[in-house]
PDB file of N, CA and C in Angstrom:
ATOM      1  N   UNK A   1       0.864  -1.177   0.000  1.00  0.00           N
ATOM      2  CA  UNK A   1       0.000   0.000   0.000  1.00  0.00           C
ATOM      3  C   UNK A   1       0.908   1.237   0.000  1.00  0.00           C
ATOM      4  N   UNK A   2       0.633   2.215  -0.871  1.00  0.00           N
ATOM      5  CA  UNK A   2       1.459   3.427  -0.910  1.00  0.00           C
ATOM      6  C   UNK A   2       1.432   4.182   0.417  1.00  0.00           C
ATOM      7  N   UNK A   3       2.559   4.864   0.696  1.00  0.00           N
ATOM      8  CA  UNK A   3       2.685   5.667   1.910  1.00  0.00           C
ATOM      9  C   UNK A   3       2.695   7.142   1.540  1.00  0.00           C
ATOM     10  N   UNK A   4       2.168   7.956   2.445  1.00  0.00           N
ATOM     11  CA  UNK A   4       2.065   9.391   2.221  1.00  0.00           C
ATOM     12  C   UNK A   4       2.517  10.142   3.469  1.00  0.00           C
ATOM     13  N   UNK A   5       3.281  11.211   3.243  1.00  0.00           N
ATOM     14  CA  UNK A   5       3.642  12.143   4.306  1.00  0.00           C
ATOM     15  C   UNK A   5       2.629  13.268   4.264  1.00  0.00           C
ATOM     16  N   UNK A   6       1.982  13.521   5.375  1.00  0.00           N
ATOM     17  CA  UNK A   6       0.989  14.589   5.474  1.00  0.00           C
ATOM     18  C   UNK A   6       1.546  15.656   6.406  1.00  0.00           C
ATOM     19  N   UNK A   7       1.623  16.881   5.891  1.00  0.00           N
ATOM     20  CA  UNK A   7       2.049  18.019   6.691  1.00  0.00           C
ATOM     21  C   UNK A   7       0.856  18.953   6.796  1.00  0.00           C
ATOM     22  N   UNK A   8       0.480  19.287   8.006  1.00  0.00           N
ATOM     23  CA  UNK A   8      -0.718  20.103   8.206  1.00  0.00           C
ATOM     24  C   UNK A   8      -0.413  21.302   9.086  1.00  0.00           C
ATOM     25  N   UNK A   9      -1.062  22.400   8.746  1.00  0.00           N
ATOM     26  CA  UNK A   9      -0.973  23.623   9.546  1.00  0.00           C
ATOM     27  C   UNK A   9      -2.390  24.078   9.863  1.00  0.00           C
ATOM     28  N   UNK A  10      -2.629  24.372  11.123  1.00  0.00           N
ATOM     29  CA  UNK A  10      -3.953  24.809  11.552  1.00  0.00           C
ATOM     30  C   UNK A  10      -4.178  26.281  11.240  1.00  0.00           C
ATOM     31  N   UNK A  11      -5.396  26.604  10.848  1.00  0.00           N
ATOM     32  CA  UNK A  11      -5.813  28.001  10.773  1.00  0.00           C
ATOM     33  C   UNK A  11      -6.155  28.427  12.199  1.00  0.00           C
ATOM     34  N   UNK A  12      -6.502  29.704  12.386  1.00  0.00           N
ATOM     35  CA  UNK A  12      -6.900  30.160  13.726  1.00  0.00           C
ATOM     36  C   UNK A  12      -8.099  29.359  14.217  1.00  0.00           C
ATOM     37  N   UNK A  13      -9.037  29.077  13.305  1.00  0.00           N
ATOM     38  CA  UNK A  13     -10.207  28.267  13.671  1.00  0.00           C
ATOM     39  C   UNK A  13      -9.777  26.854  14.085  1.00  0.00           C
ATOM     40  N   UNK A  14      -8.834  26.300  13.367  1.00  0.00           N
ATOM     41  CA  UNK A  14      -8.341  24.961  13.691  1.00  0.00           C
ATOM     42  C   UNK A  14      -7.648  24.907  15.038  1.00  0.00           C
ATOM     43  N   UNK A  15      -6.896  25.954  15.358  1.00  0.00           N
ATOM     44  CA  UNK A  15      -6.230  26.008  16.665  1.00  0.00           C
ATOM     45  C   UNK A  15      -7.261  26.065  17.780  1.00  0.00           C
ATOM     46  N   UNK A  16      -8.349  26.804  17.571  1.00  0.00           N
ATOM     47  CA  UNK A  16      -9.413  26.849  18.573  1.00  0.00           C
ATOM     48  C   UNK A  16      -9.993  25.456  18.804  1.00  0.00           C
ATOM     49  N   UNK A  17     -10.191  24.710  17.715  1.00  0.00           N
ATOM     50  CA  UNK A  17     -10.687  23.339  17.842  1.00  0.00           C
ATOM     51  C   UNK A  17      -9.699  22.439  18.553  1.00  0.00           C
ATOM     52  N   UNK A  18      -8.408  22.614  18.261  1.00  0.00           N
ATOM     53  CA  UNK A  18      -7.371  21.831  18.941  1.00  0.00           C
ATOM     54  C   UNK A  18      -7.359  22.130  20.434  1.00  0.00           C
ATOM     55  N   UNK A  19      -7.477  23.402  20.783  1.00  0.00           N
ATOM     56  CA  UNK A  19      -7.515  23.770  22.199  1.00  0.00           C
ATOM     57  C   UNK A  19      -8.723  23.153  22.904  1.00  0.00           C
ATOM     58  N   UNK A  20      -9.835  23.066  22.195  1.00  0.00           N
ATOM     59  CA  UNK A  20     -11.057  22.498  22.769  1.00  0.00           C
ATOM     60  C   UNK A  20     -10.970  20.976  22.881  1.00  0.00           C
ATOM     61  N   UNK A  21     -10.542  20.320  21.793  1.00  0.00           N
ATOM     62  CA  UNK A  21     -10.558  18.849  21.733  1.00  0.00           C
ATOM     63  C   UNK A  21      -9.309  18.176  22.285  1.00  0.00           C
ATOM     64  N   UNK A  22      -8.166  18.842  22.176  1.00  0.00           N
ATOM     65  CA  UNK A  22      -6.908  18.220  22.579  1.00  0.00           C
ATOM     66  C   UNK A  22      -6.299  17.421  21.431  1.00  0.00           C
ATOM     67  N   UNK A  23      -5.049  17.077  21.595  1.00  0.00           N
ATOM     68  CA  UNK A  23      -4.298  16.385  20.553  1.00  0.00           C
ATOM     69  C   UNK A  23      -4.760  14.972  20.263  1.00  0.00           C
ATOM     70  N   UNK A  24      -5.124  14.216  21.269  1.00  0.00           N
ATOM     71  CA  UNK A  24      -5.539  12.825  21.066  1.00  0.00           C
ATOM     72  C   UNK A  24      -6.796  12.715  20.215  1.00  0.00           C
ATOM     73  N   UNK A  25      -7.731  13.632  20.421  1.00  0.00           N
ATOM     74  CA  UNK A  25      -8.955  13.602  19.615  1.00  0.00           C
ATOM     75  C   UNK A  25      -8.673  13.986  18.164  1.00  0.00           C
ATOM     76  N   UNK A  26      -7.711  14.892  17.926  1.00  0.00           N
ATOM     77  CA  UNK A  26      -7.358  15.261  16.560  1.00  0.00           C
ATOM     78  C   UNK A  26      -6.686  14.084  15.863  1.00  0.00           C
ATOM     79  N   UNK A  27      -5.838  13.364  16.581  1.00  0.00           N
ATOM     80  CA  UNK A  27      -5.216  12.170  16.003  1.00  0.00           C
ATOM     81  C   UNK A  27      -6.290  11.138  15.665  1.00  0.00           C
ATOM     82  N   UNK A  28      -7.232  10.929  16.560  1.00  0.00           N
ATOM     83  CA  UNK A  28      -8.310   9.960  16.326  1.00  0.00           C
ATOM     84  C   UNK A  28      -9.151  10.356  15.111  1.00  0.00           C
ATOM     85  N   UNK A  29      -9.394  11.653  14.933  1.00  0.00           N
ATOM     86  CA  UNK A  29     -10.171  12.121  13.781  1.00  0.00           C
ATOM     87  C   UNK A  29      -9.422  11.836  12.479  1.00  0.00           C
ATOM     88  N   UNK A  30      -8.110  12.067  12.478  1.00  0.00           N
ATOM     89  CA  UNK A  30      -7.294  11.778  11.294  1.00  0.00           C
ATOM     90  C   UNK A  30      -7.284  10.279  11.009  1.00  0.00           C
ATOM     91  N   UNK A  31      -7.136   9.504  12.067  1.00  0.00           N
ATOM     92  CA  UNK A  31      -7.122   8.048  11.941  1.00  0.00           C
ATOM     93  C   UNK A  31      -8.435   7.537  11.334  1.00  0.00           C
ATOM     94  N   UNK A  32      -9.543   8.062  11.806  1.00  0.00           N
ATOM     95  CA  UNK A  32     -10.860   7.647  11.320  1.00  0.00           C
ATOM     96  C   UNK A  32     -11.043   8.023   9.850  1.00  0.00           C
ATOM     97  N   UNK A  33     -10.616   9.224   9.473  1.00  0.00           N
ATOM     98  CA  UNK A  33     -10.762   9.671   8.080  1.00  0.00           C
ATOM     99  C   UNK A  33      -9.986   8.770   7.133  1.00  0.00           C
ATOM    100  N   UNK A  34      -8.765   8.436   7.513  1.00  0.00           N
ATOM    101  CA  UNK A  34      -7.920   7.593   6.655  1.00  0.00           C
ATOM    102  C   UNK A  34      -8.434   6.157   6.640  1.00  0.00           C
ATOM    103  N   UNK A  35      -8.822   5.650   7.790  1.00  0.00           N
ATOM    104  CA  UNK A  35      -9.346   4.285   7.881  1.00  0.00           C
ATOM    105  C   UNK A  35     -10.629   4.126   7.074  1.00  0.00           C
ATOM    106  N   UNK A  36     -11.446   5.173   7.037  1.00  0.00           N
ATOM    107  CA  UNK A  36     -12.714   5.132   6.312  1.00  0.00           C
ATOM    108  C   UNK A  36     -12.551   4.882   4.822  1.00  0.00           C
ATOM    109  N   UNK A  37     -11.363   5.166   4.295  1.00  0.00           N
ATOM    110  CA  UNK A  37     -11.092   4.928   2.872  1.00  0.00           C
ATOM    111  C   UNK A  37     -10.147   3.746   2.660  1.00  0.00           C
ATOM    112  N   UNK A  38     -10.028   2.909   3.687  1.00  0.00           N
ATOM    113  CA  UNK A  38      -9.221   1.703   3.550  1.00  0.00           C
ATOM    114  C   UNK A  38      -7.752   1.870   3.867  1.00  0.00           C
ATOM    115  N   UNK A  39      -7.384   2.992   4.484  1.00  0.00           N
ATOM    116  CA  UNK A  39      -5.990   3.243   4.814  1.00  0.00           C
ATOM    117  C   UNK A  39      -5.683   3.023   6.283  1.00  0.00           C
ATOM    118  N   UNK A  40      -4.467   3.414   6.656  1.00  0.00           N
ATOM    119  CA  UNK A  40      -4.015   3.249   8.045  1.00  0.00           C
ATOM    120  C   UNK A  40      -3.071   4.383   8.396  1.00  0.00           C
ATOM    121  N   UNK A  41      -3.298   4.997   9.546  1.00  0.00           N
ATOM    122  CA  UNK A  41      -2.407   6.039  10.052  1.00  0.00           C
ATOM    123  C   UNK A  41      -1.251   5.357  10.766  1.00  0.00           C
ATOM    124  N   UNK A  42      -0.045   5.582  10.266  1.00  0.00           N
ATOM    125  CA  UNK A  42       1.138   4.943  10.849  1.00  0.00           C
ATOM    126  C   UNK A  42       1.703   5.755  12.011  1.00  0.00           C
ATOM    127  N   UNK A  43       1.921   7.052  11.791  1.00  0.00           N
ATOM    128  CA  UNK A  43       2.427   7.934  12.859  1.00  0.00           C
ATOM    129  C   UNK A  43       1.745   9.286  12.759  1.00  0.00           C
ATOM    130  N   UNK A  44       1.668   9.978  13.873  1.00  0.00           N
ATOM    131  CA  UNK A  44       1.035  11.298  13.942  1.00  0.00           C
ATOM    132  C   UNK A  44       1.756  12.077  15.032  1.00  0.00           C
ATOM    133  N   UNK A  45       2.419  13.168  14.627  1.00  0.00           N
ATOM    134  CA  UNK A  45       3.168  13.986  15.586  1.00  0.00           C
ATOM    135  C   UNK A  45       2.783  15.452  15.447  1.00  0.00           C
ATOM    136  N   UNK A  46       2.687  16.137  16.581  1.00  0.00           N
ATOM    137  CA  UNK A  46       2.545  17.585  16.586  1.00  0.00           C
ATOM    138  C   UNK A  46       3.946  18.174  16.601  1.00  0.00           C
ATOM    139  N   UNK A  47       4.078  19.404  16.072  1.00  0.00           N
ATOM    140  CA  UNK A  47       5.393  20.031  15.977  1.00  0.00           C
ATOM    141  C   UNK A  47       5.273  21.537  16.178  1.00  0.00           C
ATOM    142  N   UNK A  48       6.402  22.169  16.427  1.00  0.00           N
ATOM    143  CA  UNK A  48       6.491  23.622  16.505  1.00  0.00           C
ATOM    144  C   UNK A  48       6.871  24.146  15.127  1.00  0.00           C
ATOM    145  N   UNK A  49       6.538  25.395  14.840  1.00  0.00           N
ATOM    146  CA  UNK A  49       6.972  26.022  13.597  1.00  0.00           C
ATOM    147  C   UNK A  49       5.844  26.169  12.597  1.00  0.00           C
ATOM    148  N   UNK A  50       6.217  26.261  11.321  1.00  0.00           N
ATOM    149  CA  UNK A  50       5.229  26.473  10.259  1.00  0.00           C
ATOM    150  C   UNK A  50       4.272  25.300  10.108  1.00  0.00           C
ATOM    151  N   UNK A  51       4.755  24.103  10.377  1.00  0.00           N
ATOM    152  CA  UNK A  51       3.937  22.899  10.255  1.00  0.00           C
ATOM    153  C   UNK A  51       3.544  22.431  11.646  1.00  0.00           C
ATOM    154  N   UNK A  52       2.241  22.258  11.856  1.00  0.00           N
ATOM    155  CA  UNK A  52       1.732  21.852  13.168  1.00  0.00           C
ATOM    156  C   UNK A  52       1.668  20.340  13.354  1.00  0.00           C
ATOM    157  N   UNK A  53       1.480  19.607  12.236  1.00  0.00           N
ATOM    158  CA  UNK A  53       1.336  18.145  12.303  1.00  0.00           C
ATOM    159  C   UNK A  53       2.142  17.500  11.193  1.00  0.00           C
ATOM    160  N   UNK A  54       2.841  16.428  11.547  1.00  0.00           N
ATOM    161  CA  UNK A  54       3.479  15.541  10.585  1.00  0.00           C
ATOM    162  C   UNK A  54       2.874  14.160  10.798  1.00  0.00           C
ATOM    163  N   UNK A  55       2.391  13.561   9.740  1.00  0.00           N
ATOM    164  CA  UNK A  55       1.804  12.224   9.842  1.00  0.00           C
ATOM    165  C   UNK A  55       2.259  11.397   8.643  1.00  0.00           C
ATOM    166  N   UNK A  56       2.327  10.101   8.844  1.00  0.00           N
ATOM    167  CA  UNK A  56       2.577   9.169   7.747  1.00  0.00           C
ATOM    168  C   UNK A  56       1.419   8.197   7.742  1.00  0.00           C
ATOM    169  N   UNK A  57       0.850   8.014   6.554  1.00  0.00           N
ATOM    170  CA  UNK A  57      -0.316   7.145   6.422  1.00  0.00           C
ATOM    171  C   UNK A  57      -0.160   6.248   5.204  1.00  0.00           C
ATOM    172  N   UNK A  58      -0.775   5.086   5.278  1.00  0.00           N
ATOM    173  CA  UNK A  58      -0.911   4.193   4.132  1.00  0.00           C
ATOM    174  C   UNK A  58      -2.303   4.434   3.572  1.00  0.00           C
ATOM    175  N   UNK A  59      -2.413   4.429   2.243  1.00  0.00           N
ATOM    176  CA  UNK A  59      -3.715   4.533   1.592  1.00  0.00           C
ATOM    177  C   UNK A  59      -3.713   3.593   0.395  1.00  0.00           C
ATOM    178  N   UNK A  60      -4.876   3.103   0.018  1.00  0.00           N
ATOM    179  CA  UNK A  60      -4.935   2.148  -1.094  1.00  0.00           C
ATOM    180  C   UNK A  60      -4.409   2.717  -2.407  1.00  0.00           C
ATOM    181  N   UNK A  61      -4.584   4.036  -2.621  1.00  0.00           N
ATOM    182  CA  UNK A  61      -4.185   4.636  -3.890  1.00  0.00           C
ATOM    183  C   UNK A  61      -4.172   6.157  -3.753  1.00  0.00           C
ATOM    184  N   UNK A  62      -3.693   6.827  -4.804  1.00  0.00           N
ATOM    185  CA  UNK A  62      -3.614   8.287  -4.785  1.00  0.00           C
ATOM    186  C   UNK A  62      -4.981   8.948  -4.657  1.00  0.00           C
ATOM    187  N   UNK A  63      -6.016   8.352  -5.266  1.00  0.00           N
ATOM    188  CA  UNK A  63      -7.347   8.956  -5.176  1.00  0.00           C
ATOM    189  C   UNK A  63      -7.852   8.979  -3.733  1.00  0.00           C
ATOM    190  N   UNK A  64      -7.594   7.922  -2.991  1.00  0.00           N
ATOM    191  CA  UNK A  64      -8.012   7.872  -1.580  1.00  0.00           C
ATOM    192  C   UNK A  64      -7.262   8.917  -0.768  1.00  0.00           C
ATOM    193  N   UNK A  65      -5.951   9.033  -0.995  1.00  0.00           N
ATOM    194  CA  UNK A  65      -5.158  10.036  -0.282  1.00  0.00           C
ATOM    195  C   UNK A  65      -5.642  11.440  -0.638  1.00  0.00           C
ATOM    196  N   UNK A  66      -5.954  11.665  -1.915  1.00  0.00           N
ATOM    197  CA  UNK A  66      -6.449  12.972  -2.344  1.00  0.00           C
ATOM    198  C   UNK A  66      -7.798  13.277  -1.713  1.00  0.00           C
ATOM    199  N   UNK A  67      -8.666  12.279  -1.603  1.00  0.00           N
ATOM    200  CA  UNK A  67      -9.990  12.482  -1.006  1.00  0.00           C
ATOM    201  C   UNK A  67      -9.864  12.936   0.440  1.00  0.00           C
ATOM    202  N   UNK A  68      -8.963  12.327   1.198  1.00  0.00           N
ATOM    203  CA  UNK A  68      -8.753  12.745   2.592  1.00  0.00           C
ATOM    204  C   UNK A  68      -8.220  14.166   2.633  1.00  0.00           C
ATOM    205  N   UNK A  69      -7.238  14.458   1.793  1.00  0.00           N
ATOM    206  CA  UNK A  69      -6.647  15.795   1.757  1.00  0.00           C
ATOM    207  C   UNK A  69      -7.693  16.852   1.414  1.00  0.00           C
ATOM    208  N   UNK A  70      -8.542  16.561   0.428  1.00  0.00           N
ATOM    209  CA  UNK A  70      -9.591  17.501   0.042  1.00  0.00           C
ATOM    210  C   UNK A  70     -10.586  17.747   1.184  1.00  0.00           C
ATOM    211  N   UNK A  71     -10.980  16.673   1.869  1.00  0.00           N
ATOM    212  CA  UNK A  71     -11.928  16.808   2.977  1.00  0.00           C
ATOM    213  C   UNK A  71     -11.340  17.642   4.112  1.00  0.00           C
ATOM    214  N   UNK A  72     -10.076  17.400   4.426  1.00  0.00           N
ATOM    215  CA  UNK A  72      -9.408  18.135   5.506  1.00  0.00           C
ATOM    216  C   UNK A  72      -9.282  19.612   5.135  1.00  0.00           C
ATOM    217  N   UNK A  73      -8.827  19.880   3.930  1.00  0.00           N
ATOM    218  CA  UNK A  73      -8.636  21.260   3.499  1.00  0.00           C
ATOM    219  C   UNK A  73      -9.971  21.996   3.354  1.00  0.00           C
ATOM    220  N   UNK A  74     -11.004  21.307   2.880  1.00  0.00           N
ATOM    221  CA  UNK A  74     -12.320  21.921   2.710  1.00  0.00           C
ATOM    222  C   UNK A  74     -12.930  22.361   4.036  1.00  0.00           C
ATOM    223  N   UNK A  75     -12.465  21.779   5.135  1.00  0.00           N
ATOM    224  CA  UNK A  75     -12.997  22.167   6.445  1.00  0.00           C
ATOM    225  C   UNK A  75     -12.671  23.618   6.779  1.00  0.00           C
ATOM    226  N   UNK A  76     -11.613  24.146   6.169  1.00  0.00           N
ATOM    227  CA  UNK A  76     -11.193  25.507   6.471  1.00  0.00           C
ATOM    228  C   UNK A  76     -10.388  25.631   7.749  1.00  0.00           C
ATOM    229  N   UNK A  77     -10.245  24.542   8.493  1.00  0.00           N
ATOM    230  CA  UNK A  77      -9.531  24.570   9.763  1.00  0.00           C
ATOM    231  C   UNK A  77      -8.070  24.148   9.629  1.00  0.00           C
ATOM    232  N   UNK A  78      -7.735  23.591   8.469  1.00  0.00           N
ATOM    233  CA  UNK A  78      -6.395  23.037   8.277  1.00  0.00           C
ATOM    234  C   UNK A  78      -5.951  23.265   6.837  1.00  0.00           C
ATOM    235  N   UNK A  79      -4.669  23.567   6.667  1.00  0.00           N
ATOM    236  CA  UNK A  79      -4.034  23.553   5.355  1.00  0.00           C
ATOM    237  C   UNK A  79      -3.165  22.312   5.338  1.00  0.00           C
ATOM    238  N   UNK A  80      -3.378  21.425   4.360  1.00  0.00           N
ATOM    239  CA  UNK A  80      -2.637  20.164   4.319  1.00  0.00           C
ATOM    240  C   UNK A  80      -1.833  20.045   3.043  1.00  0.00           C
ATOM    241  N   UNK A  81      -0.675  19.426   3.160  1.00  0.00           N
ATOM    242  CA  UNK A  81       0.183  19.114   2.023  1.00  0.00           C
ATOM    243  C   UNK A  81       0.481  17.628   2.105  1.00  0.00           C
ATOM    244  N   UNK A  82       0.207  16.905   1.026  1.00  0.00           N
ATOM    245  CA  UNK A  82       0.415  15.458   1.003  1.00  0.00           C
ATOM    246  C   UNK A  82       1.513  15.125  -0.003  1.00  0.00           C
ATOM    247  N   UNK A  83       2.482  14.321   0.425  1.00  0.00           N
ATOM    248  CA  UNK A  83       3.607  13.920  -0.411  1.00  0.00           C
ATOM    249  C   UNK A  83       3.625  12.407  -0.520  1.00  0.00           C
ATOM    250  N   UNK A  84       3.712  11.902  -1.752  1.00  0.00           N
ATOM    251  CA  UNK A  84       3.839  10.457  -1.961  1.00  0.00           C
ATOM    252  C   UNK A  84       5.248  10.045  -1.546  1.00  0.00           C
ATOM    253  N   UNK A  85       5.342   8.995  -0.747  1.00  0.00           N
ATOM    254  CA  UNK A  85       6.649   8.475  -0.308  1.00  0.00           C
ATOM    255  C   UNK A  85       6.987   7.216  -1.090  1.00  0.00           C
ATOM    256  N   UNK A  86       8.268   7.032  -1.356  1.00  0.00           N
ATOM    257  CA  UNK A  86       8.732   5.851  -2.088  1.00  0.00           C
ATOM    258  C   UNK A  86       9.770   5.103  -1.267  1.00  0.00           C
ATOM    259  N   UNK A  87       9.755   3.788  -1.368  1.00  0.00           N
ATOM    260  CA  UNK A  87      10.757   2.966  -0.697  1.00  0.00           C
ATOM    261  C   UNK A  87      12.056   3.007  -1.508  1.00  0.00           C
ATOM    262  N   UNK A  88      13.178   2.642  -0.891  1.00  0.00           N
ATOM    263  CA  UNK A  88      14.419   2.549  -1.660  1.00  0.00           C
ATOM    264  C   UNK A  88      14.291   1.576  -2.837  1.00  0.00           C
ATOM    265  N   UNK A  89      13.541   0.507  -2.651  1.00  0.00           N
ATOM    266  CA  UNK A  89      13.356  -0.471  -3.725  1.00  0.00           C
ATOM    267  C   UNK A  89      12.564   0.122  -4.899  1.00  0.00           C
ATOM    268  N   UNK A  90      11.569   0.932  -4.579  1.00  0.00           N
ATOM    269  CA  UNK A  90      10.824   1.606  -5.645  1.00  0.00           C
ATOM    270  C   UNK A  90      11.721   2.584  -6.402  1.00  0.00           C
ATOM    271  N   UNK A  91      12.599   3.270  -5.679  1.00  0.00           N
ATOM    272  CA  UNK A  91      13.535   4.180  -6.338  1.00  0.00           C
ATOM    273  C   UNK A  91      14.507   3.396  -7.216  1.00  0.00           C
ATOM    274  N   UNK A  92      14.936   2.218  -6.751  1.00  0.00           N
ATOM    275  CA  UNK A  92      15.794   1.353  -7.581  1.00  0.00           C
ATOM    276  C   UNK A  92      15.101   1.042  -8.905  1.00  0.00           C
ATOM    277  N   UNK A  93      13.834   0.707  -8.840  1.00  0.00           N
ATOM    278  CA  UNK A  93      13.074   0.405 -10.060  1.00  0.00           C
ATOM    279  C   UNK A  93      12.969   1.635 -10.954  1.00  0.00           C
ATOM    280  N   UNK A  94      12.764   2.805 -10.362  1.00  0.00           N
ATOM    281  CA  UNK A  94      12.657   4.040 -11.142  1.00  0.00           C
ATOM    282  C   UNK A  94      13.970   4.352 -11.857  1.00  0.00           C
ATOM    283  N   UNK A  95      15.100   4.102 -11.196  1.00  0.00           N
ATOM    284  CA  UNK A  95      16.393   4.419 -11.817  1.00  0.00           C
ATOM    285  C   UNK A  95      16.699   3.520 -13.007  1.00  0.00           C
ATOM    286  N   UNK A  96      16.026   2.400 -13.099  1.00  0.00           N
ATOM    287  CA  UNK A  96      16.261   1.457 -14.193  1.00  0.00           C
ATOM    288  C   UNK A  96      15.366   1.720 -15.409  1.00  0.00           C
ATOM    289  N   UNK A  97      14.438   2.651 -15.293  1.00  0.00           N
ATOM    290  CA  UNK A  97      13.543   2.962 -16.413  1.00  0.00           C
ATOM    291  C   UNK A  97      14.193   3.979 -17.336  1.00  0.00           C
ATOM    292  N   UNK A  98      14.009   3.764 -18.613  1.00  0.00           N
ATOM    293  CA  UNK A  98      14.549   4.651 -19.632  1.00  0.00           C
ATOM    294  C   UNK A  98      13.509   5.727 -19.958  1.00  0.00           C
ATOM    295  N   UNK A  99      13.963   6.980 -19.963  1.00  0.00           N
ATOM    296  CA  UNK A  99      13.064   8.098 -20.230  1.00  0.00           C
ATOM    297  C   UNK A  99      13.647   8.939 -21.369  1.00  0.00           C
ATOM    298  N   UNK A 100      12.830   9.238 -22.357  1.00  0.00           N
ATOM    299  CA  UNK A 100      13.223  10.126 -23.444  1.00  0.00           C
ATOM    300  C   UNK A 100      12.810  11.540 -23.053  1.00  0.00           C
ATOM    301  N   UNK A 101      13.795  12.421 -22.874  1.00  0.00           N
ATOM    302  CA  UNK A 101      13.503  13.781 -22.406  1.00  0.00           C
ATOM    303  C   UNK A 101      14.455  14.768 -23.061  1.00  0.00           C
ATOM    304  N   UNK A 102      13.927  15.890 -23.511  1.00  0.00           N
ATOM    305  CA  UNK A 102      14.739  16.958 -24.060  1.00  0.00           C
ATOM    306  C   UNK A 102      14.623  18.159 -23.137  1.00  0.00           C
ATOM    307  N   UNK A 103      15.756  18.623 -22.549  1.00  0.00           N
ATOM    308  CA  UNK A 103      15.707  19.799 -21.672  1.00  0.00           C
ATOM    309  C   UNK A 103      15.282  21.045 -22.448  1.00  0.00           C
ATOM    310  N   UNK A 104      14.703  22.025 -21.769  1.00  0.00           N
ATOM    311  CA  UNK A 104      14.313  23.271 -22.449  1.00  0.00           C
ATOM    312  C   UNK A 104      15.500  23.907 -23.152  1.00  0.00           C
ATOM    313  N   UNK A 105      15.283  24.366 -24.373  1.00  0.00           N
ATOM    314  CA  UNK A 105      16.327  25.077 -25.116  1.00  0.00           C
ATOM    315  C   UNK A 105      17.352  24.191 -25.782  1.00  0.00           C
ATOM    316  N   UNK A 106      17.230  22.888 -25.699  1.00  0.00           N
ATOM    317  CA  UNK A 106      18.212  21.957 -26.316  1.00  0.00           C
ATOM    318  C   UNK A 106      17.653  21.367 -27.575  1.00  0.00           C
TER     319      UNK A 106
END
C-alpha cells in the first residue's frame, strides 16, 4: 500500500478546535478519516513552527489520499500538504527505467 507524508498547519479556527478537543482527539479524527477509505495512520506527531502536524499514512491509492486531503482542506480549519513516499526499492526500479527527455532550449 502506498505511503504518504501529510504536513498540516492549523488556521486560527483549527487552533481553537485543537484547544477544545486536545491532541488525542485530533489524532483519532485523522485516523478515522484515513481508515474510512481503507488506509491506516502509521504515525502522527505535533510540531512547533510552520507545520503543526506531521503524519505518515498508508492509503490504497492516490485517489483515496487525495480524497482525505480535500476533505481536511475543505474544512477551512487546516491547510494540508500530502507527499507520496517511495521505498528505496521503488527508487531502484525508477532508476532502471529509460526516459526520453529533451531539456528546455536543447
